[in-house]
Amino acid sequence: KRYNGTIDELLLEHNTDFVLKINTETPV
């Protein structure tokens, strides 16, 4: 999340978020 900083600055695993990108005709 943006209030944590950028993904390049990632340090703590609990600051990660998962999103599934399903590669259908239009991504879901």
mmCIF file of all heavy atoms, coordinates in Angstrom:
data_MODEL
# 
_entry.id   MODEL 
# 
loop_
_atom_site.group_PDB 
_atom_site.id 
_atom_site.type_symbol 
_atom_site.label_atom_id 
_atom_site.label_alt_id 
_atom_site.label_comp_id 
_atom_site.label_asym_id 
_atom_site.label_entity_id 
_atom_site.label_seq_id 
_atom_site.pdbx_PDB_ins_code 
_atom_site.Cartn_x 
_atom_site.Cartn_y 
_atom_site.Cartn_z 
_atom_site.occupancy 
_atom_site.B_iso_or_equiv 
_atom_site.pdbx_formal_charge 
_atom_site.auth_seq_id 
_atom_site.auth_comp_id 
_atom_site.auth_asym_id 
_atom_site.auth_atom_id 
_atom_site.pdbx_PDB_model_num 
ATOM 1   N N   . LYS A 1 1  ? 0.837   -1.198  0.000   1.00 0.00 ? 1  LYS A N   1 
ATOM 2   C CA  . LYS A 1 1  ? 0.000   0.000   0.000   1.00 0.00 ? 1  LYS A CA  1 
ATOM 3   C C   . LYS A 1 1  ? 0.874   1.249   0.000   1.00 0.00 ? 1  LYS A C   1 
ATOM 4   O O   . LYS A 1 1  ? 1.940   1.286   0.585   1.00 0.00 ? 1  LYS A O   1 
ATOM 5   C CB  . LYS A 1 1  ? -0.943  -0.018  1.201   1.00 0.00 ? 1  LYS A CB  1 
ATOM 6   C CG  . LYS A 1 1  ? -2.018  -1.105  1.092   1.00 0.00 ? 1  LYS A CG  1 
ATOM 7   C CD  . LYS A 1 1  ? -3.000  -1.042  2.233   1.00 0.00 ? 1  LYS A CD  1 
ATOM 8   C CE  . LYS A 1 1  ? -4.188  -1.973  1.994   1.00 0.00 ? 1  LYS A CE  1 
ATOM 9   N NZ  . LYS A 1 1  ? -3.810  -3.384  1.900   1.00 0.00 ? 1  LYS A NZ  1 
ATOM 10  N N   . ARG A 1 2  ? 0.375   2.281   -0.647  1.00 0.00 ? 2  ARG A N   1 
ATOM 11  C CA  . ARG A 1 2  ? 1.196   3.464   -0.902  1.00 0.00 ? 2  ARG A CA  1 
ATOM 12  C C   . ARG A 1 2  ? 1.699   4.123   0.369   1.00 0.00 ? 2  ARG A C   1 
ATOM 13  O O   . ARG A 1 2  ? 2.761   4.756   0.371   1.00 0.00 ? 2  ARG A O   1 
ATOM 14  C CB  . ARG A 1 2  ? 0.421   4.470   -1.762  1.00 0.00 ? 2  ARG A CB  1 
ATOM 15  C CG  . ARG A 1 2  ? 0.336   4.081   -3.232  1.00 0.00 ? 2  ARG A CG  1 
ATOM 16  C CD  . ARG A 1 2  ? -0.057  5.267   -4.103  1.00 0.00 ? 2  ARG A CD  1 
ATOM 17  N NE  . ARG A 1 2  ? -1.337  5.820   -3.704  1.00 0.00 ? 2  ARG A NE  1 
ATOM 18  C CZ  . ARG A 1 2  ? -2.508  5.348   -4.093  1.00 0.00 ? 2  ARG A CZ  1 
ATOM 19  N NH1 . ARG A 1 2  ? -2.555  4.287   -4.871  1.00 0.00 ? 2  ARG A NH1 1 
ATOM 20  N NH2 . ARG A 1 2  ? -3.629  5.914   -3.700  1.00 0.00 ? 2  ARG A NH2 1 
ATOM 21  N N   . TYR A 1 3  ? 0.961   4.002   1.480   1.00 0.00 ? 3  TYR A N   1 
ATOM 22  C CA  . TYR A 1 3  ? 1.438   4.636   2.713   1.00 0.00 ? 3  TYR A CA  1 
ATOM 23  C C   . TYR A 1 3  ? 2.654   3.922   3.292   1.00 0.00 ? 3  TYR A C   1 
ATOM 24  O O   . TYR A 1 3  ? 3.302   4.431   4.208   1.00 0.00 ? 3  TYR A O   1 
ATOM 25  C CB  . TYR A 1 3  ? 0.333   4.752   3.760   1.00 0.00 ? 3  TYR A CB  1 
ATOM 26  C CG  . TYR A 1 3  ? -0.370  3.470   4.132   1.00 0.00 ? 3  TYR A CG  1 
ATOM 27  C CD1 . TYR A 1 3  ? 0.279   2.435   4.779   1.00 0.00 ? 3  TYR A CD1 1 
ATOM 28  C CD2 . TYR A 1 3  ? -1.726  3.300   3.845   1.00 0.00 ? 3  TYR A CD2 1 
ATOM 29  C CE1 . TYR A 1 3  ? -0.370  1.273   5.131   1.00 0.00 ? 3  TYR A CE1 1 
ATOM 30  C CE2 . TYR A 1 3  ? -2.390  2.139   4.194   1.00 0.00 ? 3  TYR A CE2 1 
ATOM 31  C CZ  . TYR A 1 3  ? -1.712  1.128   4.837   1.00 0.00 ? 3  TYR A CZ  1 
ATOM 32  O OH  . TYR A 1 3  ? -2.364  -0.024  5.189   1.00 0.00 ? 3  TYR A OH  1 
ATOM 33  N N   . ASN A 1 4  ? 3.007   2.733   2.759   1.00 0.00 ? 4  ASN A N   1 
ATOM 34  C CA  . ASN A 1 4  ? 4.217   2.036   3.196   1.00 0.00 ? 4  ASN A CA  1 
ATOM 35  C C   . ASN A 1 4  ? 5.460   2.480   2.439   1.00 0.00 ? 4  ASN A C   1 
ATOM 36  O O   . ASN A 1 4  ? 6.583   2.196   2.869   1.00 0.00 ? 4  ASN A O   1 
ATOM 37  C CB  . ASN A 1 4  ? 4.061   0.522   2.989   1.00 0.00 ? 4  ASN A CB  1 
ATOM 38  C CG  . ASN A 1 4  ? 3.005   -0.079  3.876   1.00 0.00 ? 4  ASN A CG  1 
ATOM 39  O OD1 . ASN A 1 4  ? 2.867   0.298   5.033   1.00 0.00 ? 4  ASN A OD1 1 
ATOM 40  N ND2 . ASN A 1 4  ? 2.238   -1.017  3.331   1.00 0.00 ? 4  ASN A ND2 1 
ATOM 41  N N   . GLY A 1 5  ? 5.282   3.150   1.306   1.00 0.00 ? 5  GLY A N   1 
ATOM 42  C CA  . GLY A 1 5  ? 6.399   3.447   0.425   1.00 0.00 ? 5  GLY A CA  1 
ATOM 43  C C   . GLY A 1 5  ? 6.234   2.657   -0.869  1.00 0.00 ? 5  GLY A C   1 
ATOM 44  O O   . GLY A 1 5  ? 5.170   2.089   -1.138  1.00 0.00 ? 5  GLY A O   1 
ATOM 45  N N   . THR A 1 6  ? 7.269   2.585   -1.660  1.00 0.00 ? 6  THR A N   1 
ATOM 46  C CA  . THR A 1 6  ? 7.196   1.873   -2.931  1.00 0.00 ? 6  THR A CA  1 
ATOM 47  C C   . THR A 1 6  ? 7.605   0.416   -2.756  1.00 0.00 ? 6  THR A C   1 
ATOM 48  O O   . THR A 1 6  ? 8.229   0.042   -1.767  1.00 0.00 ? 6  THR A O   1 
ATOM 49  C CB  . THR A 1 6  ? 8.123   2.529   -3.968  1.00 0.00 ? 6  THR A CB  1 
ATOM 50  O OG1 . THR A 1 6  ? 9.487   2.383   -3.531  1.00 0.00 ? 6  THR A OG1 1 
ATOM 51  C CG2 . THR A 1 6  ? 7.806   4.016   -4.126  1.00 0.00 ? 6  THR A CG2 1 
ATOM 52  N N   . ILE A 1 7  ? 7.273   -0.397  -3.741  1.00 0.00 ? 7  ILE A N   1 
ATOM 53  C CA  . ILE A 1 7  ? 7.624   -1.817  -3.680  1.00 0.00 ? 7  ILE A CA  1 
ATOM 54  C C   . ILE A 1 7  ? 9.143   -1.987  -3.689  1.00 0.00 ? 7  ILE A C   1 
ATOM 55  O O   . ILE A 1 7  ? 9.667   -2.959  -3.148  1.00 0.00 ? 7  ILE A O   1 
ATOM 56  C CB  . ILE A 1 7  ? 6.972   -2.589  -4.856  1.00 0.00 ? 7  ILE A CB  1 
ATOM 57  C CG1 . ILE A 1 7  ? 7.039   -4.108  -4.623  1.00 0.00 ? 7  ILE A CG1 1 
ATOM 58  C CG2 . ILE A 1 7  ? 7.601   -2.202  -6.183  1.00 0.00 ? 7  ILE A CG2 1 
ATOM 59  C CD1 . ILE A 1 7  ? 6.172   -4.592  -3.494  1.00 0.00 ? 7  ILE A CD1 1 
ATOM 60  N N   . ASP A 1 8  ? 9.866   -1.033  -4.265  1.00 0.00 ? 8  ASP A N   1 
ATOM 61  C CA  . ASP A 1 8  ? 11.331  -1.094  -4.276  1.00 0.00 ? 8  ASP A CA  1 
ATOM 62  C C   . ASP A 1 8  ? 11.911  -0.947  -2.873  1.00 0.00 ? 8  ASP A C   1 
ATOM 63  O O   . ASP A 1 8  ? 13.050  -1.344  -2.625  1.00 0.00 ? 8  ASP A O   1 
ATOM 64  C CB  . ASP A 1 8  ? 11.914  0.010   -5.173  1.00 0.00 ? 8  ASP A CB  1 
ATOM 65  C CG  . ASP A 1 8  ? 11.500  -0.152  -6.629  1.00 0.00 ? 8  ASP A CG  1 
ATOM 66  O OD1 . ASP A 1 8  ? 11.244  -1.296  -7.037  1.00 0.00 ? 8  ASP A OD1 1 
ATOM 67  O OD2 . ASP A 1 8  ? 11.415  0.862   -7.341  1.00 0.00 ? 8  ASP A OD2 1 
ATOM 68  N N   . GLU A 1 9  ? 11.141  -0.354  -1.953  1.00 0.00 ? 9  GLU A N   1 
ATOM 69  C CA  . GLU A 1 9  ? 11.611  -0.147  -0.587  1.00 0.00 ? 9  GLU A CA  1 
ATOM 70  C C   . GLU A 1 9  ? 11.110  -1.235  0.368   1.00 0.00 ? 9  GLU A C   1 
ATOM 71  O O   . GLU A 1 9  ? 11.285  -1.130  1.580   1.00 0.00 ? 9  GLU A O   1 
ATOM 72  C CB  . GLU A 1 9  ? 11.129  1.216   -0.071  1.00 0.00 ? 9  GLU A CB  1 
ATOM 73  C CG  . GLU A 1 9  ? 11.646  2.393   -0.874  1.00 0.00 ? 9  GLU A CG  1 
ATOM 74  C CD  . GLU A 1 9  ? 10.985  3.700   -0.471  1.00 0.00 ? 9  GLU A CD  1 
ATOM 75  O OE1 . GLU A 1 9  ? 9.744   3.731   -0.356  1.00 0.00 ? 9  GLU A OE1 1 
ATOM 76  O OE2 . GLU A 1 9  ? 11.708  4.692   -0.268  1.00 0.00 ? 9  GLU A OE2 1 
ATOM 77  N N   . LEU A 1 10 ? 10.490  -2.264  -0.167  1.00 0.00 ? 10 LEU A N   1 
ATOM 78  C CA  . LEU A 1 10 ? 9.885   -3.306  0.662   1.00 0.00 ? 10 LEU A CA  1 
ATOM 79  C C   . LEU A 1 10 ? 10.911  -3.928  1.608   1.00 0.00 ? 10 LEU A C   1 
ATOM 80  O O   . LEU A 1 10 ? 12.015  -4.271  1.214   1.00 0.00 ? 10 LEU A O   1 
ATOM 81  C CB  . LEU A 1 10 ? 9.290   -4.401  -0.235  1.00 0.00 ? 10 LEU A CB  1 
ATOM 82  C CG  . LEU A 1 10 ? 8.605   -5.565  0.482   1.00 0.00 ? 10 LEU A CG  1 
ATOM 83  C CD1 . LEU A 1 10 ? 7.376   -5.083  1.238   1.00 0.00 ? 10 LEU A CD1 1 
ATOM 84  C CD2 . LEU A 1 10 ? 8.241   -6.666  -0.515  1.00 0.00 ? 10 LEU A CD2 1 
ATOM 85  N N   . LEU A 1 11 ? 10.499  -4.086  2.874   1.00 0.00 ? 11 LEU A N   1 
ATOM 86  C CA  . LEU A 1 11 ? 11.353  -4.716  3.882   1.00 0.00 ? 11 LEU A CA  1 
ATOM 87  C C   . LEU A 1 11 ? 10.588  -5.743  4.707   1.00 0.00 ? 11 LEU A C   1 
ATOM 88  O O   . LEU A 1 11 ? 11.110  -6.811  5.013   1.00 0.00 ? 11 LEU A O   1 
ATOM 89  C CB  . LEU A 1 11 ? 11.939  -3.650  4.819   1.00 0.00 ? 11 LEU A CB  1 
ATOM 90  C CG  . LEU A 1 11 ? 12.844  -4.166  5.942   1.00 0.00 ? 11 LEU A CG  1 
ATOM 91  C CD1 . LEU A 1 11 ? 14.146  -4.708  5.365   1.00 0.00 ? 11 LEU A CD1 1 
ATOM 92  C CD2 . LEU A 1 11 ? 13.132  -3.074  6.965   1.00 0.00 ? 11 LEU A CD2 1 
ATOM 93  N N   . LEU A 1 12 ? 9.337   -5.439  5.043   1.00 0.00 ? 12 LEU A N   1 
ATOM 94  C CA  . LEU A 1 12 ? 8.551   -6.277  5.946   1.00 0.00 ? 12 LEU A CA  1 
ATOM 95  C C   . LEU A 1 12 ? 7.528   -7.089  5.159   1.00 0.00 ? 12 LEU A C   1 
ATOM 96  O O   . LEU A 1 12 ? 6.745   -6.535  4.378   1.00 0.00 ? 12 LEU A O   1 
ATOM 97  C CB  . LEU A 1 12 ? 7.834   -5.410  6.977   1.00 0.00 ? 12 LEU A CB  1 
ATOM 98  C CG  . LEU A 1 12 ? 8.713   -4.438  7.771   1.00 0.00 ? 12 LEU A CG  1 
ATOM 99  C CD1 . LEU A 1 12 ? 7.845   -3.595  8.705   1.00 0.00 ? 12 LEU A CD1 1 
ATOM 100 C CD2 . LEU A 1 12 ? 9.784   -5.182  8.558   1.00 0.00 ? 12 LEU A CD2 1 
ATOM 101 N N   . GLU A 1 13 ? 7.504   -8.401  5.414   1.00 0.00 ? 13 GLU A N   1 
ATOM 102 C CA  . GLU A 1 13 ? 6.573   -9.262  4.684   1.00 0.00 ? 13 GLU A CA  1 
ATOM 103 C C   . GLU A 1 13 ? 5.135   -8.879  4.971   1.00 0.00 ? 13 GLU A C   1 
ATOM 104 O O   . GLU A 1 13 ? 4.273   -8.961  4.094   1.00 0.00 ? 13 GLU A O   1 
ATOM 105 C CB  . GLU A 1 13 ? 6.835   -10.724 5.058   1.00 0.00 ? 13 GLU A CB  1 
ATOM 106 C CG  . GLU A 1 13 ? 6.211   -11.736 4.095   1.00 0.00 ? 13 GLU A CG  1 
ATOM 107 C CD  . GLU A 1 13 ? 4.720   -11.939 4.299   1.00 0.00 ? 13 GLU A CD  1 
ATOM 108 O OE1 . GLU A 1 13 ? 4.257   -11.776 5.455   1.00 0.00 ? 13 GLU A OE1 1 
ATOM 109 O OE2 . GLU A 1 13 ? 4.003   -12.240 3.318   1.00 0.00 ? 13 GLU A OE2 1 
ATOM 110 N N   . HIS A 1 14 ? 4.842   -8.434  6.198   1.00 0.00 ? 14 HIS A N   1 
ATOM 111 C CA  . HIS A 1 14 ? 3.457   -8.119  6.529   1.00 0.00 ? 14 HIS A CA  1 
ATOM 112 C C   . HIS A 1 14 ? 2.966   -6.867  5.805   1.00 0.00 ? 14 HIS A C   1 
ATOM 113 O O   . HIS A 1 14 ? 1.757   -6.579  5.817   1.00 0.00 ? 14 HIS A O   1 
ATOM 114 C CB  . HIS A 1 14 ? 3.288   -7.985  8.055   1.00 0.00 ? 14 HIS A CB  1 
ATOM 115 C CG  . HIS A 1 14 ? 3.475   -6.601  8.582   1.00 0.00 ? 14 HIS A CG  1 
ATOM 116 N ND1 . HIS A 1 14 ? 2.425   -5.784  8.895   1.00 0.00 ? 14 HIS A ND1 1 
ATOM 117 C CD2 . HIS A 1 14 ? 4.597   -5.883  8.854   1.00 0.00 ? 14 HIS A CD2 1 
ATOM 118 C CE1 . HIS A 1 14 ? 2.879   -4.627  9.339   1.00 0.00 ? 14 HIS A CE1 1 
ATOM 119 N NE2 . HIS A 1 14 ? 4.180   -4.659  9.336   1.00 0.00 ? 14 HIS A NE2 1 
ATOM 120 N N   . ASN A 1 15 ? 3.852   -6.141  5.133   1.00 0.00 ? 15 ASN A N   1 
ATOM 121 C CA  . ASN A 1 15 ? 3.451   -4.984  4.333   1.00 0.00 ? 15 ASN A CA  1 
ATOM 122 C C   . ASN A 1 15 ? 3.124   -5.349  2.886   1.00 0.00 ? 15 ASN A C   1 
ATOM 123 O O   . ASN A 1 15 ? 2.872   -4.461  2.070   1.00 0.00 ? 15 ASN A O   1 
ATOM 124 C CB  . ASN A 1 15 ? 4.545   -3.911  4.349   1.00 0.00 ? 15 ASN A CB  1 
ATOM 125 C CG  . ASN A 1 15 ? 4.513   -3.075  5.613   1.00 0.00 ? 15 ASN A CG  1 
ATOM 126 O OD1 . ASN A 1 15 ? 3.538   -3.092  6.353   1.00 0.00 ? 15 ASN A OD1 1 
ATOM 127 N ND2 . ASN A 1 15 ? 5.583   -2.352  5.877   1.00 0.00 ? 15 ASN A ND2 1 
ATOM 128 N N   . THR A 1 16 ? 3.143   -6.633  2.572   1.00 0.00 ? 16 THR A N   1 
ATOM 129 C CA  . THR A 1 16 ? 2.798   -7.048  1.207   1.00 0.00 ? 16 THR A CA  1 
ATOM 130 C C   . THR A 1 16 ? 1.303   -7.301  1.097   1.00 0.00 ? 16 THR A C   1 
ATOM 131 O O   . THR A 1 16 ? 0.633   -7.643  2.069   1.00 0.00 ? 16 THR A O   1 
ATOM 132 C CB  . THR A 1 16 ? 3.549   -8.326  0.789   1.00 0.00 ? 16 THR A CB  1 
ATOM 133 O OG1 . THR A 1 16 ? 3.211   -9.390  1.686   1.00 0.00 ? 16 THR A OG1 1 
ATOM 134 C CG2 . THR A 1 16 ? 5.045   -8.100  0.794   1.00 0.00 ? 16 THR A CG2 1 
ATOM 135 N N   . ASP A 1 17 ? 0.783   -7.120  -0.099  1.00 0.00 ? 17 ASP A N   1 
ATOM 136 C CA  . ASP A 1 17 ? -0.614  -7.428  -0.416  1.00 0.00 ? 17 ASP A CA  1 
ATOM 137 C C   . ASP A 1 17 ? -0.643  -8.246  -1.697  1.00 0.00 ? 17 ASP A C   1 
ATOM 138 O O   . ASP A 1 17 ? 0.084   -7.951  -2.656  1.00 0.00 ? 17 ASP A O   1 
ATOM 139 C CB  . ASP A 1 17 ? -1.415  -6.143  -0.616  1.00 0.00 ? 17 ASP A CB  1 
ATOM 140 C CG  . ASP A 1 17 ? -1.683  -5.406  0.680   1.00 0.00 ? 17 ASP A CG  1 
ATOM 141 O OD1 . ASP A 1 17 ? -0.835  -4.579  1.079   1.00 0.00 ? 17 ASP A OD1 1 
ATOM 142 O OD2 . ASP A 1 17 ? -2.736  -5.665  1.282   1.00 0.00 ? 17 ASP A OD2 1 
ATOM 143 N N   . PHE A 1 18 ? -1.510  -9.252  -1.713  1.00 0.00 ? 18 PHE A N   1 
ATOM 144 C CA  . PHE A 1 18 ? -1.661  -10.096 -2.893  1.00 0.00 ? 18 PHE A CA  1 
ATOM 145 C C   . PHE A 1 18 ? -2.917  -9.698  -3.665  1.00 0.00 ? 18 PHE A C   1 
ATOM 146 O O   . PHE A 1 18 ? -3.972  -9.463  -3.071  1.00 0.00 ? 18 PHE A O   1 
ATOM 147 C CB  . PHE A 1 18 ? -1.786  -11.566 -2.502  1.00 0.00 ? 18 PHE A CB  1 
ATOM 148 C CG  . PHE A 1 18 ? -0.594  -12.120 -1.777  1.00 0.00 ? 18 PHE A CG  1 
ATOM 149 C CD1 . PHE A 1 18 ? -0.732  -12.686 -0.520  1.00 0.00 ? 18 PHE A CD1 1 
ATOM 150 C CD2 . PHE A 1 18 ? 0.659   -12.079 -2.355  1.00 0.00 ? 18 PHE A CD2 1 
ATOM 151 C CE1 . PHE A 1 18 ? 0.362   -13.198 0.151   1.00 0.00 ? 18 PHE A CE1 1 
ATOM 152 C CE2 . PHE A 1 18 ? 1.766   -12.588 -1.686  1.00 0.00 ? 18 PHE A CE2 1 
ATOM 153 C CZ  . PHE A 1 18 ? 1.614   -13.148 -0.434  1.00 0.00 ? 18 PHE A CZ  1 
ATOM 154 N N   . VAL A 1 19 ? -2.788  -9.647  -4.971  1.00 0.00 ? 19 VAL A N   1 
ATOM 155 C CA  . VAL A 1 19 ? -3.937  -9.478  -5.859  1.00 0.00 ? 19 VAL A CA  1 
ATOM 156 C C   . VAL A 1 19 ? -3.788  -10.504 -6.976  1.00 0.00 ? 19 VAL A C   1 
ATOM 157 O O   . VAL A 1 19 ? -2.700  -10.667 -7.540  1.00 0.00 ? 19 VAL A O   1 
ATOM 158 C CB  . VAL A 1 19 ? -3.999  -8.054  -6.451  1.00 0.00 ? 19 VAL A CB  1 
ATOM 159 C CG1 . VAL A 1 19 ? -5.145  -7.941  -7.452  1.00 0.00 ? 19 VAL A CG1 1 
ATOM 160 C CG2 . VAL A 1 19 ? -4.163  -7.018  -5.344  1.00 0.00 ? 19 VAL A CG2 1 
ATOM 161 N N   . LEU A 1 20 ? -4.882  -11.193 -7.287  1.00 0.00 ? 20 LEU A N   1 
ATOM 162 C CA  . LEU A 1 20 ? -4.858  -12.133 -8.406  1.00 0.00 ? 20 LEU A CA  1 
ATOM 163 C C   . LEU A 1 20 ? -5.245  -11.411 -9.689  1.00 0.00 ? 20 LEU A C   1 
ATOM 164 O O   . LEU A 1 20 ? -6.258  -10.708 -9.737  1.00 0.00 ? 20 LEU A O   1 
ATOM 165 C CB  . LEU A 1 20 ? -5.832  -13.281 -8.163  1.00 0.00 ? 20 LEU A CB  1 
ATOM 166 C CG  . LEU A 1 20 ? -5.395  -14.357 -7.183  1.00 0.00 ? 20 LEU A CG  1 
ATOM 167 C CD1 . LEU A 1 20 ? -6.519  -15.355 -6.958  1.00 0.00 ? 20 LEU A CD1 1 
ATOM 168 C CD2 . LEU A 1 20 ? -4.155  -15.069 -7.685  1.00 0.00 ? 20 LEU A CD2 1 
ATOM 169 N N   . LYS A 1 21 ? -4.436  -11.585 -10.707 1.00 0.00 ? 21 LYS A N   1 
ATOM 170 C CA  . LYS A 1 21 ? -4.770  -11.074 -12.040 1.00 0.00 ? 21 LYS A CA  1 
ATOM 171 C C   . LYS A 1 21 ? -5.103  -12.281 -12.903 1.00 0.00 ? 21 LYS A C   1 
ATOM 172 O O   . LYS A 1 21 ? -4.215  -13.064 -13.258 1.00 0.00 ? 21 LYS A O   1 
ATOM 173 C CB  . LYS A 1 21 ? -3.598  -10.293 -12.628 1.00 0.00 ? 21 LYS A CB  1 
ATOM 174 C CG  . LYS A 1 21 ? -3.824  -9.804  -14.061 1.00 0.00 ? 21 LYS A CG  1 
ATOM 175 C CD  . LYS A 1 21 ? -2.633  -8.985  -14.541 1.00 0.00 ? 21 LYS A CD  1 
ATOM 176 C CE  . LYS A 1 21 ? -2.785  -8.542  -15.978 1.00 0.00 ? 21 LYS A CE  1 
ATOM 177 N NZ  . LYS A 1 21 ? -2.563  -9.655  -16.934 1.00 0.00 ? 21 LYS A NZ  1 
ATOM 178 N N   . ILE A 1 22 ? -6.376  -12.462 -13.179 1.00 0.00 ? 22 ILE A N   1 
ATOM 179 C CA  . ILE A 1 22 ? -6.807  -13.617 -13.957 1.00 0.00 ? 22 ILE A CA  1 
ATOM 180 C C   . ILE A 1 22 ? -6.840  -13.216 -15.417 1.00 0.00 ? 22 ILE A C   1 
ATOM 181 O O   . ILE A 1 22 ? -7.494  -12.234 -15.798 1.00 0.00 ? 22 ILE A O   1 
ATOM 182 C CB  . ILE A 1 22 ? -8.182  -14.122 -13.482 1.00 0.00 ? 22 ILE A CB  1 
ATOM 183 C CG1 . ILE A 1 22 ? -8.062  -14.608 -12.020 1.00 0.00 ? 22 ILE A CG1 1 
ATOM 184 C CG2 . ILE A 1 22 ? -8.646  -15.279 -14.324 1.00 0.00 ? 22 ILE A CG2 1 
ATOM 185 C CD1 . ILE A 1 22 ? -8.697  -13.730 -11.031 1.00 0.00 ? 22 ILE A CD1 1 
ATOM 186 N N   . ASN A 1 23 ? -6.102  -13.954 -16.229 1.00 0.00 ? 23 ASN A N   1 
ATOM 187 C CA  . ASN A 1 23 ? -5.867  -13.563 -17.622 1.00 0.00 ? 23 ASN A CA  1 
ATOM 188 C C   . ASN A 1 23 ? -6.970  -14.088 -18.538 1.00 0.00 ? 23 ASN A C   1 
ATOM 189 O O   . ASN A 1 23 ? -6.742  -14.903 -19.432 1.00 0.00 ? 23 ASN A O   1 
ATOM 190 C CB  . ASN A 1 23 ? -4.495  -14.057 -18.067 1.00 0.00 ? 23 ASN A CB  1 
ATOM 191 C CG  . ASN A 1 23 ? -3.385  -13.443 -17.234 1.00 0.00 ? 23 ASN A CG  1 
ATOM 192 O OD1 . ASN A 1 23 ? -3.399  -12.240 -16.954 1.00 0.00 ? 23 ASN A OD1 1 
ATOM 193 N ND2 . ASN A 1 23 ? -2.433  -14.257 -16.804 1.00 0.00 ? 23 ASN A ND2 1 
ATOM 194 N N   . THR A 1 24 ? -8.181  -13.588 -18.314 1.00 0.00 ? 24 THR A N   1 
ATOM 195 C CA  . THR A 1 24 ? -9.315  -13.897 -19.174 1.00 0.00 ? 24 THR A CA  1 
ATOM 196 C C   . THR A 1 24 ? -9.359  -12.886 -20.318 1.00 0.00 ? 24 THR A C   1 
ATOM 197 O O   . THR A 1 24 ? -8.447  -12.082 -20.480 1.00 0.00 ? 24 THR A O   1 
ATOM 198 C CB  . THR A 1 24 ? -10.618 -13.852 -18.352 1.00 0.00 ? 24 THR A CB  1 
ATOM 199 O OG1 . THR A 1 24 ? -10.660 -12.619 -17.615 1.00 0.00 ? 24 THR A OG1 1 
ATOM 200 C CG2 . THR A 1 24 ? -10.668 -15.003 -17.360 1.00 0.00 ? 24 THR A CG2 1 
ATOM 201 N N   . GLU A 1 25 ? -10.441 -12.953 -21.125 1.00 0.00 ? 25 GLU A N   1 
ATOM 202 C CA  . GLU A 1 25 ? -10.542 -12.063 -22.290 1.00 0.00 ? 25 GLU A CA  1 
ATOM 203 C C   . GLU A 1 25 ? -10.246 -10.615 -21.892 1.00 0.00 ? 25 GLU A C   1 
ATOM 204 O O   . GLU A 1 25 ? -9.443  -9.920  -22.519 1.00 0.00 ? 25 GLU A O   1 
ATOM 205 C CB  . GLU A 1 25 ? -11.949 -12.161 -22.895 1.00 0.00 ? 25 GLU A CB  1 
ATOM 206 C CG  . GLU A 1 25 ? -12.386 -13.580 -23.245 1.00 0.00 ? 25 GLU A CG  1 
ATOM 207 C CD  . GLU A 1 25 ? -12.981 -14.337 -22.054 1.00 0.00 ? 25 GLU A CD  1 
ATOM 208 O OE1 . GLU A 1 25 ? -12.953 -13.782 -20.933 1.00 0.00 ? 25 GLU A OE1 1 
ATOM 209 O OE2 . GLU A 1 25 ? -13.445 -15.469 -22.242 1.00 0.00 ? 25 GLU A OE2 1 
ATOM 210 N N   . THR A 1 26 ? -10.934 -10.142 -20.880 1.00 0.00 ? 26 THR A N   1 
ATOM 211 C CA  . THR A 1 26 ? -10.596 -8.890  -20.198 1.00 0.00 ? 26 THR A CA  1 
ATOM 212 C C   . THR A 1 26 ? -10.127 -9.286  -18.815 1.00 0.00 ? 26 THR A C   1 
ATOM 213 O O   . THR A 1 26 ? -10.848 -10.005 -18.104 1.00 0.00 ? 26 THR A O   1 
ATOM 214 C CB  . THR A 1 26 ? -11.824 -7.970  -20.094 1.00 0.00 ? 26 THR A CB  1 
ATOM 215 O OG1 . THR A 1 26 ? -12.314 -7.683  -21.406 1.00 0.00 ? 26 THR A OG1 1 
ATOM 216 C CG2 . THR A 1 26 ? -11.464 -6.682  -19.373 1.00 0.00 ? 26 THR A CG2 1 
ATOM 217 N N   . PRO A 1 27 ? -8.929  -8.883  -18.391 1.00 0.00 ? 27 PRO A N   1 
ATOM 218 C CA  . PRO A 1 27 ? -8.412  -9.350  -17.089 1.00 0.00 ? 27 PRO A CA  1 
ATOM 219 C C   . PRO A 1 27 ? -9.392  -9.073  -15.952 1.00 0.00 ? 27 PRO A C   1 
ATOM 220 O O   . PRO A 1 27 ? -10.054 -8.037  -15.903 1.00 0.00 ? 27 PRO A O   1 
ATOM 221 C CB  . PRO A 1 27 ? -7.120  -8.545  -16.917 1.00 0.00 ? 27 PRO A CB  1 
ATOM 222 C CG  . PRO A 1 27 ? -6.697  -8.213  -18.306 1.00 0.00 ? 27 PRO A CG  1 
ATOM 223 C CD  . PRO A 1 27 ? -7.964  -7.999  -19.069 1.00 0.00 ? 27 PRO A CD  1 
ATOM 224 N N   . VAL A 1 28 ? -9.465  -10.027 -15.033 1.00 0.00 ? 28 VAL A N   1 
ATOM 225 C CA  . VAL A 1 28 ? -10.273 -9.886  -13.823 1.00 0.00 ? 28 VAL A CA  1 
ATOM 226 C C   . VAL A 1 28 ? -9.314  -9.852  -12.638 1.00 0.00 ? 28 VAL A C   1 
ATOM 227 O O   . VAL A 1 28 ? -8.427  -10.714 -12.528 1.00 0.00 ? 28 VAL A O   1 
ATOM 228 C CB  . VAL A 1 28 ? -11.275 -11.041 -13.662 1.00 0.00 ? 28 VAL A CB  1 
ATOM 229 C CG1 . VAL A 1 28 ? -12.031 -10.912 -12.331 1.00 0.00 ? 28 VAL A CG1 1 
ATOM 230 C CG2 . VAL A 1 28 ? -12.247 -11.078 -14.832 1.00 0.00 ? 28 VAL A CG2 1 
# 
